[in-house]
Amino acid sequence: MNKVQNIKIGLLGCGTVGQGVYNLLQMNRDKYQPVLNNTNLEITKILVNDINKKRPNIPQELLTTDPDEILNDENIDIIIEVIGGTTKAQDYIKKALLNGKHIVTANKDLMAINAQELLDLGNKAGRQIRYEASVAGAIPIISTIKENILSNKITKVMGIINGTTNFILTKMFNEDRDLKDVLKEAQELGYAEADPTSDIEGLDAARKIAVLASIAFNRSVVLNDVYVEGITAISVDDVNYAKLFNSTIKLLGIAVNNEQGIEVRVHPTLLPMSHPLAKVDDVYNAIYIEGNAFGDLTLIGKGAGSLPTASAVVADLLSIVKDMNRNIFSYENRSCYLDTEIMEIEDTLTHFYIRMIVLDRTRVLSKITEAFADNDVSIDSVIQKKLENNLAELVILTDKVLNKNMMNAKVQIENLEVVKEIKSLIRSEKEY
């Protein structure tokens, strides 16, 4: 039998994901060693903030509060970073690369803001940086795009990439409950943070779609390039009208590569029930991809949690160790070599759903239609519902329209004397 080789690993962070990584390495150790040609994976040091905090199953002697005990240890081959945030994590990763260590990170915040610099530094150092766990937890989306469907030109990536908002919208759809009520339940169940801003305002999804767009379109996309709109304005009324159009509402991260450039956006989206993403519910994530050879592909799985995220981290770790066993140390980390234009949101084309309160009298619809026509907005469908006090609720679906034209029409409609209030304006992916 071949001699067992030891690969030593430093773990930065021991929260939910860090503990999941440690436990998964112990749980599946009997599988990893033969798969890695008799290589043993050993976590030798773990960076924590509080060394006295109880961490079940993790030996106390592995813990340290001094990052240099890991970053400067010549015997450590690979660093796993799961502390999150940007400042400390970036400093640690840079130092580790300069000290000749490969990197596995789950840090979406860092990769959505400063991926290019870190990946270039990895190339110069001849060391790998892998970050599968930064997007969609257990779903192997980054490796799928970078390796398994590399033969294709990707034209679209669209995903449910935030479990908290998907849980909220699912409950609103299935149980006819308002957003605040469901958000409170999500917090009680641990699906939402005490401060849920990053989730419900779309920022978490924006970071992830920036990472995916960069990989899919070979063009560096950062968080500031993404148009972001959260779910806080979505009401039960909107969800129920969506049902009338045989649709649902999902918060989607959308990246499209077309002749005009790249559009990258996050917003609530009216989605037909026939679409593969429409029935992905609760805290599950899903990513839909269009390519010029395979057509379309959908991946579904758990987007967060200790072991699901650890699964992606350890998969990256195993890939690096396989390359080390083949004496492949250098690795082309960065795949962004294009300078394609990134489009502004006003130049994108989508369908729209608009809901408004109007006076219940004659010629109201004709005045609204005239405002749409003035701005080259074509109407597809209309629903009108009588309300009390001589008011009516009007819901209109448009054909595909230039975003800036729709926004100009919205302003014109708001100024009509017959329109009391525009309640909702939601983009749609459906070709009505």
Protein backbone atom coordinates (compact mmCIF):
# COMPACT_ATOMS: atom_id res chain seq x y z
CA MET A 1 0.00 0.00 0.00
CA ASN A 2 1.19 3.50 -0.79
CA LYS A 3 2.41 5.58 2.11
CA VAL A 4 -0.23 7.88 3.55
CA GLN A 5 0.40 11.55 2.74
CA ASN A 6 -0.81 14.22 5.16
CA ILE A 7 -2.24 17.52 3.91
CA LYS A 8 -2.44 20.04 6.70
CA ILE A 9 -5.27 22.58 6.74
CA GLY A 10 -5.84 25.83 8.62
CA LEU A 11 -9.44 26.85 9.26
CA LEU A 12 -10.24 30.55 9.67
CA GLY A 13 -13.57 30.71 11.48
CA CYS A 14 -15.55 28.19 13.49
CA GLY A 15 -19.14 29.36 13.29
CA THR A 16 -21.94 27.46 11.60
CA VAL A 17 -20.01 26.76 8.39
CA GLY A 18 -16.64 26.24 10.05
CA GLN A 19 -18.03 23.62 12.39
CA GLY A 20 -19.80 22.02 9.43
CA VAL A 21 -16.49 21.77 7.55
CA TYR A 22 -14.73 20.14 10.52
CA ASN A 23 -17.60 17.70 11.11
CA LEU A 24 -17.91 16.77 7.42
CA LEU A 25 -14.19 15.99 7.19
CA GLN A 26 -14.55 13.65 10.16
CA MET A 27 -17.83 12.14 8.97
CA ASN A 28 -16.63 11.19 5.47
CA ARG A 29 -12.96 10.59 6.22
CA ASP A 30 -13.22 6.96 5.10
CA LYS A 31 -14.27 8.13 1.63
CA TYR A 32 -11.78 10.95 1.15
CA GLN A 33 -8.55 9.08 1.81
CA PRO A 34 -8.88 6.46 -0.98
CA VAL A 35 -10.37 9.02 -3.41
CA LEU A 36 -7.31 11.21 -2.80
CA ASN A 37 -4.81 8.43 -3.48
CA ASN A 38 -4.15 7.62 0.18
CA THR A 39 -4.02 11.25 1.29
CA ASN A 40 -5.12 12.19 4.79
CA LEU A 41 -6.69 15.62 5.40
CA GLU A 42 -5.91 17.10 8.79
CA ILE A 43 -7.16 20.40 10.24
CA THR A 44 -4.29 21.44 12.50
CA LYS A 45 -5.39 24.89 13.65
CA ILE A 46 -8.69 26.80 13.83
CA LEU A 47 -8.94 30.57 14.25
CA VAL A 48 -11.71 31.72 16.63
CA ASN A 49 -12.66 34.91 18.45
CA ASP A 50 -13.45 33.23 21.76
CA ILE A 51 -11.34 30.23 22.63
CA ASN A 52 -13.56 29.31 25.61
CA LYS A 53 -16.83 29.07 23.68
CA LYS A 54 -18.22 25.55 23.62
CA ARG A 55 -17.93 23.84 20.25
CA PRO A 56 -19.14 20.22 20.29
CA ASN A 57 -16.82 17.65 18.69
CA ILE A 58 -13.96 20.12 18.13
CA PRO A 59 -10.79 19.56 20.19
CA GLN A 60 -9.83 22.57 22.30
CA GLU A 61 -6.15 22.21 21.43
CA LEU A 62 -6.86 23.08 17.77
CA LEU A 63 -8.19 26.53 18.63
CA THR A 64 -6.25 29.79 18.47
CA THR A 65 -7.06 33.48 18.53
CA ASP A 66 -3.84 34.37 16.70
CA PRO A 67 -4.19 34.27 12.88
CA ASP A 68 -0.41 34.21 12.43
CA GLU A 69 -0.29 30.77 14.04
CA ILE A 70 -2.07 29.60 10.90
CA LEU A 71 -0.94 32.04 8.21
CA ASN A 72 2.77 31.72 9.06
CA ASP A 73 2.80 27.96 9.69
CA GLU A 74 5.02 26.47 6.98
CA ASN A 75 3.44 23.05 7.49
CA ILE A 76 -0.06 24.22 6.56
CA ASP A 77 -0.80 23.69 2.86
CA ILE A 78 -4.37 24.98 2.49
CA ILE A 79 -6.34 27.73 4.23
CA ILE A 80 -10.14 27.57 4.48
CA GLU A 81 -11.68 31.01 5.16
CA VAL A 82 -15.20 31.05 6.59
CA ILE A 83 -15.09 34.10 8.87
CA GLY A 84 -17.06 36.28 6.42
CA GLY A 85 -16.85 40.04 6.06
CA THR A 86 -14.26 41.77 3.95
CA THR A 87 -11.45 43.55 5.78
CA LYS A 88 -9.92 40.81 7.95
CA ALA A 89 -10.77 38.07 5.50
CA GLN A 90 -9.05 39.90 2.64
CA ASP A 91 -5.94 40.57 4.71
CA TYR A 92 -5.75 36.93 5.80
CA ILE A 93 -6.21 35.58 2.27
CA LYS A 94 -3.57 37.90 0.82
CA LYS A 95 -1.06 36.93 3.49
CA ALA A 96 -1.82 33.24 3.04
CA LEU A 97 -1.27 33.45 -0.71
CA LEU A 98 2.02 35.27 -0.27
CA ASN A 99 3.03 32.49 2.14
CA GLY A 100 2.36 29.88 -0.55
CA LYS A 101 -0.96 28.48 0.62
CA HIS A 102 -3.97 27.51 -1.46
CA ILE A 103 -7.30 29.11 -0.52
CA VAL A 104 -10.87 27.87 -0.17
CA THR A 105 -13.38 30.57 0.77
CA ALA A 106 -17.13 30.83 1.25
CA ASN A 107 -16.97 34.63 1.30
CA LYS A 108 -19.56 36.09 -1.12
CA ASP A 109 -19.05 39.61 0.24
CA LEU A 110 -15.37 39.59 -0.60
CA MET A 111 -15.70 37.84 -3.96
CA ALA A 112 -18.44 40.25 -5.08
CA ILE A 113 -16.28 43.27 -4.33
CA ASN A 114 -12.64 42.35 -4.77
CA ALA A 115 -12.44 39.01 -6.56
CA GLN A 116 -10.26 40.20 -9.42
CA GLU A 117 -7.41 41.43 -7.21
CA LEU A 118 -7.39 38.26 -5.11
CA LEU A 119 -7.58 35.92 -8.09
CA ASP A 120 -4.75 37.76 -9.83
CA LEU A 121 -2.67 37.53 -6.66
CA GLY A 122 -3.37 33.81 -6.59
CA ASN A 123 -2.11 33.51 -10.15
CA LYS A 124 1.10 35.38 -9.31
CA ALA A 125 1.64 33.21 -6.26
CA GLY A 126 0.94 30.04 -8.25
CA ARG A 127 -1.79 29.07 -5.81
CA GLN A 128 -5.45 28.24 -6.24
CA ILE A 129 -8.43 30.19 -4.90
CA ARG A 130 -11.70 28.28 -4.98
CA TYR A 131 -15.01 29.74 -3.86
CA GLU A 132 -17.86 27.38 -4.74
CA ALA A 133 -19.53 27.94 -1.36
CA SER A 134 -19.84 31.70 -1.92
CA VAL A 135 -22.99 31.13 -4.01
CA ALA A 136 -25.98 28.85 -3.38
CA GLY A 137 -24.58 26.58 -0.67
CA ALA A 138 -24.58 22.94 -1.76
CA ILE A 139 -25.41 23.65 -5.41
CA PRO A 140 -22.22 23.15 -7.50
CA ILE A 141 -22.98 26.12 -9.73
CA ILE A 142 -19.51 27.68 -10.06
CA SER A 143 -17.81 24.43 -11.04
CA THR A 144 -20.70 23.65 -13.39
CA ILE A 145 -20.22 26.93 -15.27
CA LYS A 146 -16.42 26.95 -15.18
CA GLU A 147 -15.91 23.29 -16.06
CA ASN A 148 -18.92 21.15 -16.93
CA ILE A 149 -20.59 23.50 -19.45
CA LEU A 150 -17.44 25.32 -20.54
CA SER A 151 -18.14 24.26 -24.15
CA ASN A 152 -21.14 26.62 -24.24
CA LYS A 153 -21.64 30.33 -24.56
CA ILE A 154 -23.85 31.23 -21.62
CA THR A 155 -26.52 33.79 -22.47
CA LYS A 156 -28.51 33.88 -19.23
CA VAL A 157 -28.17 33.00 -15.57
CA MET A 158 -31.24 33.45 -13.40
CA GLY A 159 -31.61 32.24 -9.87
CA ILE A 160 -33.37 32.05 -6.54
CA ILE A 161 -30.19 32.63 -4.53
CA ASN A 162 -31.50 33.85 -1.20
CA GLY A 163 -33.34 31.32 0.93
CA THR A 164 -34.80 33.84 3.38
CA THR A 165 -36.74 35.78 0.75
CA ASN A 166 -37.81 32.57 -0.97
CA PHE A 167 -39.22 31.31 2.33
CA ILE A 168 -41.09 34.57 2.84
CA LEU A 169 -42.56 34.72 -0.67
CA THR A 170 -43.51 31.03 -0.55
CA LYS A 171 -45.43 31.53 2.69
CA MET A 172 -47.13 34.64 1.31
CA PHE A 173 -48.18 32.68 -1.79
CA ASN A 174 -49.35 29.49 -0.04
CA GLU A 175 -50.82 30.92 3.16
CA ASP A 176 -52.09 34.37 2.15
CA ARG A 177 -49.98 36.10 4.82
CA ASP A 178 -48.33 39.49 4.73
CA LEU A 179 -44.59 40.03 4.56
CA LYS A 180 -44.06 41.34 8.11
CA ASP A 181 -45.85 38.36 9.61
CA VAL A 182 -43.83 35.81 7.64
CA LEU A 183 -40.56 37.67 8.27
CA LYS A 184 -41.17 37.35 12.01
CA GLU A 185 -41.64 33.59 11.60
CA ALA A 186 -38.46 33.36 9.50
CA GLN A 187 -36.53 35.09 12.29
CA GLU A 188 -37.98 32.75 14.91
CA LEU A 189 -36.95 29.73 12.81
CA GLY A 190 -33.45 31.09 12.29
CA TYR A 191 -33.89 31.62 8.53
CA ALA A 192 -33.63 35.41 8.87
CA GLU A 193 -31.22 37.51 10.91
CA ALA A 194 -32.36 39.94 13.60
CA ASP A 195 -31.47 42.62 11.03
CA PRO A 196 -32.80 41.11 7.77
CA THR A 197 -31.85 44.08 5.58
CA SER A 198 -29.28 42.25 3.45
CA ASP A 199 -31.81 39.56 2.56
CA ILE A 200 -35.07 41.43 2.08
CA GLU A 201 -33.45 44.40 0.32
CA GLY A 202 -31.79 42.08 -2.20
CA LEU A 203 -28.15 42.79 -1.27
CA ASP A 204 -27.27 39.19 -0.48
CA ALA A 205 -28.62 38.03 -3.84
CA ALA A 206 -26.83 40.92 -5.58
CA ARG A 207 -23.45 39.76 -4.29
CA LYS A 208 -24.10 36.25 -5.54
CA ILE A 209 -25.32 37.23 -9.00
CA ALA A 210 -22.24 39.46 -9.40
CA VAL A 211 -20.06 36.40 -8.79
CA LEU A 212 -22.07 34.23 -11.18
CA ALA A 213 -22.17 36.85 -13.94
CA SER A 214 -18.40 37.26 -13.77
CA ILE A 215 -17.87 33.55 -14.26
CA ALA A 216 -20.59 33.00 -16.85
CA PHE A 217 -19.70 35.94 -19.09
CA ASN A 218 -15.91 36.17 -18.54
CA ARG A 219 -16.26 39.78 -17.50
CA SER A 220 -15.55 41.16 -14.05
CA VAL A 221 -18.84 42.20 -12.41
CA VAL A 222 -18.84 43.72 -8.94
CA LEU A 223 -21.61 44.52 -6.49
CA ASN A 224 -21.88 48.16 -7.64
CA ASP A 225 -22.66 46.97 -11.18
CA VAL A 226 -25.86 45.24 -10.02
CA TYR A 227 -29.27 46.93 -10.03
CA VAL A 228 -30.91 45.97 -6.71
CA GLU A 229 -34.52 46.05 -5.59
CA GLY A 230 -35.83 44.12 -2.57
CA ILE A 231 -39.16 42.55 -1.66
CA THR A 232 -40.40 45.00 0.98
CA ALA A 233 -43.02 46.53 -1.34
CA ILE A 234 -44.58 43.17 -2.25
CA SER A 235 -48.05 42.70 -0.77
CA VAL A 236 -50.45 39.79 -0.47
CA ASP A 237 -52.58 41.57 -3.10
CA ASP A 238 -49.72 41.31 -5.60
CA VAL A 239 -49.25 37.63 -4.82
CA ASN A 240 -52.95 36.95 -5.32
CA TYR A 241 -53.05 38.81 -8.63
CA ALA A 242 -50.02 36.78 -9.73
CA LYS A 243 -52.12 33.64 -9.16
CA LEU A 244 -54.77 35.01 -11.52
CA PHE A 245 -52.09 35.18 -14.21
CA ASN A 246 -50.99 31.60 -13.36
CA SER A 247 -47.78 33.04 -11.99
CA THR A 248 -45.87 33.48 -8.75
CA ILE A 249 -43.49 36.14 -7.42
CA LYS A 250 -39.84 35.33 -6.70
CA LEU A 251 -36.83 37.46 -5.84
CA LEU A 252 -34.46 36.64 -8.69
CA GLY A 253 -30.87 37.40 -9.49
CA ILE A 254 -30.72 37.81 -13.26
CA ALA A 255 -27.70 38.14 -15.53
CA VAL A 256 -28.14 38.36 -19.29
CA ASN A 257 -25.52 38.60 -22.03
CA ASN A 258 -27.00 40.06 -25.22
CA GLU A 259 -25.93 42.17 -28.20
CA GLN A 260 -26.23 45.41 -26.21
CA GLY A 261 -24.02 44.18 -23.36
CA ILE A 262 -24.44 42.55 -19.97
CA GLU A 263 -27.37 43.29 -17.68
CA VAL A 264 -27.14 42.24 -14.03
CA ARG A 265 -30.09 42.84 -11.75
CA VAL A 266 -31.90 41.65 -8.62
CA HIS A 267 -35.60 42.34 -8.12
CA PRO A 268 -38.97 40.70 -7.42
CA THR A 269 -40.18 39.03 -10.57
CA LEU A 270 -43.56 37.82 -11.78
CA LEU A 271 -42.77 34.31 -12.99
CA PRO A 272 -45.13 31.92 -14.82
CA MET A 273 -45.82 28.66 -12.98
CA SER A 274 -44.54 26.79 -16.04
CA HIS A 275 -41.00 28.08 -15.42
CA PRO A 276 -38.59 25.66 -13.66
CA LEU A 277 -37.90 28.19 -10.90
CA ALA A 278 -41.54 28.91 -10.10
CA LYS A 279 -42.12 25.86 -7.88
CA VAL A 280 -38.84 26.03 -5.98
CA ASP A 281 -40.14 26.86 -2.54
CA ASP A 282 -39.18 27.56 1.07
CA VAL A 283 -35.45 28.03 1.78
CA TYR A 284 -34.30 26.13 -1.30
CA ASN A 285 -32.13 27.81 -3.92
CA ALA A 286 -32.22 27.17 -7.65
CA ILE A 287 -30.30 28.45 -10.64
CA TYR A 288 -31.50 28.38 -14.24
CA ILE A 289 -28.93 28.71 -17.06
CA GLU A 290 -29.33 29.14 -20.80
CA GLY A 291 -26.51 28.13 -23.16
CA ASN A 292 -26.14 27.94 -26.91
CA ALA A 293 -25.53 24.18 -26.95
CA PHE A 294 -27.40 22.54 -24.04
CA GLY A 295 -30.43 24.87 -24.19
CA ASP A 296 -31.41 25.27 -20.56
CA LEU A 297 -30.36 23.69 -17.29
CA THR A 298 -31.72 24.05 -13.74
CA LEU A 299 -29.89 23.15 -10.53
CA ILE A 300 -31.81 22.99 -7.23
CA GLY A 301 -30.57 22.45 -3.69
CA LYS A 302 -30.06 23.80 -0.21
CA GLY A 303 -28.53 27.24 -0.37
CA ALA A 304 -27.37 27.58 3.22
CA GLY A 305 -26.83 25.70 6.45
CA SER A 306 -23.90 24.07 8.15
CA LEU A 307 -23.41 20.84 6.20
CA PRO A 308 -24.83 21.96 2.81
CA THR A 309 -22.38 24.88 2.68
CA ALA A 310 -19.60 22.73 4.11
CA SER A 311 -20.26 20.29 1.27
CA ALA A 312 -19.23 22.96 -1.25
CA VAL A 313 -16.22 24.02 0.83
CA VAL A 314 -14.92 20.46 1.16
CA ALA A 315 -15.53 19.78 -2.55
CA ASP A 316 -13.19 22.70 -3.34
CA LEU A 317 -10.69 21.36 -0.83
CA LEU A 318 -10.72 17.92 -2.47
CA SER A 319 -10.21 19.47 -5.92
CA ILE A 320 -7.12 21.32 -4.71
CA VAL A 321 -5.68 18.21 -3.06
CA LYS A 322 -6.22 16.18 -6.24
CA ASP A 323 -4.23 18.80 -8.16
CA MET A 324 -1.50 18.77 -5.50
CA ASN A 325 -1.25 14.99 -5.84
CA ARG A 326 -0.74 15.45 -9.57
CA ASN A 327 1.87 18.13 -8.88
CA ILE A 328 -0.42 20.80 -10.33
CA PHE A 329 0.17 23.82 -8.16
CA SER A 330 -0.40 26.69 -10.57
CA TYR A 331 -4.01 27.33 -11.57
CA GLU A 332 -5.66 30.01 -13.70
CA ASN A 333 -7.96 31.43 -11.06
CA ARG A 334 -9.40 34.38 -12.94
CA SER A 335 -11.54 33.79 -16.03
CA CYS A 336 -12.56 37.44 -16.62
CA TYR A 337 -10.71 38.51 -19.74
CA LEU A 338 -13.43 40.50 -21.53
CA ASP A 339 -14.47 44.15 -21.21
CA THR A 340 -18.10 43.84 -22.29
CA GLU A 341 -20.28 46.86 -21.54
CA ILE A 342 -22.46 46.55 -18.46
CA MET A 343 -25.88 48.01 -19.21
CA GLU A 344 -27.74 50.49 -17.05
CA ILE A 345 -31.14 49.32 -15.82
CA GLU A 346 -32.98 51.96 -17.88
CA ASP A 347 -31.66 50.37 -21.08
CA THR A 348 -32.95 46.86 -20.31
CA LEU A 349 -36.08 45.29 -21.76
CA THR A 350 -38.66 43.47 -19.60
CA HIS A 351 -42.37 42.95 -19.16
CA PHE A 352 -44.04 44.78 -16.28
CA TYR A 353 -46.92 44.28 -13.87
CA ILE A 354 -48.41 47.51 -12.55
CA ARG A 355 -51.17 47.80 -9.92
CA MET A 356 -52.92 51.09 -9.20
CA ILE A 357 -55.93 52.60 -7.46
CA VAL A 358 -58.05 54.72 -9.80
CA LEU A 359 -61.38 56.54 -9.85
CA ASP A 360 -64.23 54.26 -10.87
CA ARG A 361 -65.56 56.28 -13.80
CA THR A 362 -65.56 56.26 -17.60
CA ARG A 363 -62.48 57.01 -19.73
CA VAL A 364 -60.04 56.17 -16.94
CA LEU A 365 -58.51 53.28 -18.84
CA SER A 366 -58.30 55.31 -22.04
CA LYS A 367 -56.30 58.04 -20.28
CA ILE A 368 -53.91 55.47 -18.83
CA THR A 369 -53.62 53.77 -22.21
CA GLU A 370 -52.81 57.12 -23.79
CA ALA A 371 -50.00 57.68 -21.26
CA PHE A 372 -48.61 54.26 -22.10
CA ALA A 373 -48.84 54.96 -25.83
CA ASP A 374 -46.98 58.26 -25.40
CA ASN A 375 -44.05 56.25 -24.06
CA ASP A 376 -44.18 53.26 -26.45
CA VAL A 377 -45.58 50.90 -23.82
CA SER A 378 -47.90 48.22 -25.19
CA ILE A 379 -50.58 46.71 -22.92
CA ASP A 380 -51.11 42.97 -22.92
CA SER A 381 -53.69 42.23 -20.20
CA VAL A 382 -55.94 44.18 -17.84
CA ILE A 383 -57.86 43.25 -14.68
CA GLN A 384 -60.19 45.73 -13.01
CA LYS A 385 -61.73 45.25 -9.57
CA LYS A 386 -64.32 47.54 -7.99
CA LEU A 387 -63.54 48.96 -4.57
CA GLU A 388 -65.51 51.09 -2.11
CA ASN A 389 -65.88 54.90 -2.31
CA ASN A 390 -66.09 55.02 -6.13
CA LEU A 391 -62.61 53.60 -6.52
CA ALA A 392 -61.29 50.66 -8.52
CA GLU A 393 -58.10 48.62 -8.56
CA LEU A 394 -56.49 48.30 -11.96
CA VAL A 395 -53.82 45.72 -12.78
CA ILE A 396 -52.03 45.87 -16.12
CA LEU A 397 -49.49 43.56 -17.69
CA THR A 398 -47.35 45.07 -20.42
CA ASP A 399 -45.54 43.60 -23.36
CA LYS A 400 -41.75 43.78 -23.27
CA VAL A 401 -40.75 47.42 -22.93
CA LEU A 402 -37.64 49.52 -22.48
CA ASN A 403 -37.21 50.19 -18.76
CA LYS A 404 -36.81 53.95 -19.10
CA ASN A 405 -39.99 54.13 -21.19
CA MET A 406 -41.91 52.33 -18.48
CA MET A 407 -40.57 54.65 -15.80
CA ASN A 408 -41.55 57.71 -17.86
CA ALA A 409 -45.02 56.25 -18.34
CA LYS A 410 -45.28 55.62 -14.59
CA VAL A 411 -44.55 59.28 -13.84
CA GLN A 412 -47.10 60.42 -16.41
CA ILE A 413 -49.75 58.07 -15.00
CA GLU A 414 -49.08 59.21 -11.42
CA ASN A 415 -49.88 62.75 -12.52
CA LEU A 416 -53.27 61.84 -13.96
CA GLU A 417 -56.18 63.21 -11.95
CA VAL A 418 -58.02 59.87 -12.29
CA VAL A 419 -55.16 57.90 -10.69
CA LYS A 420 -55.07 57.97 -6.88
CA GLU A 421 -51.99 55.80 -6.29
CA ILE A 422 -49.65 53.36 -7.98
CA LYS A 423 -49.36 50.51 -5.49
CA SER A 424 -46.89 48.18 -7.23
CA LEU A 425 -44.56 47.97 -10.20
CA ILE A 426 -42.96 44.56 -10.70
CA ARG A 427 -40.87 43.22 -13.56
CA SER A 428 -41.82 40.00 -15.26
CA GLU A 429 -39.90 37.28 -17.04
CA LYS A 430 -42.92 35.92 -18.83
CA GLU A 431 -43.42 36.30 -22.57
CA TYR A 432 -47.14 37.07 -22.29
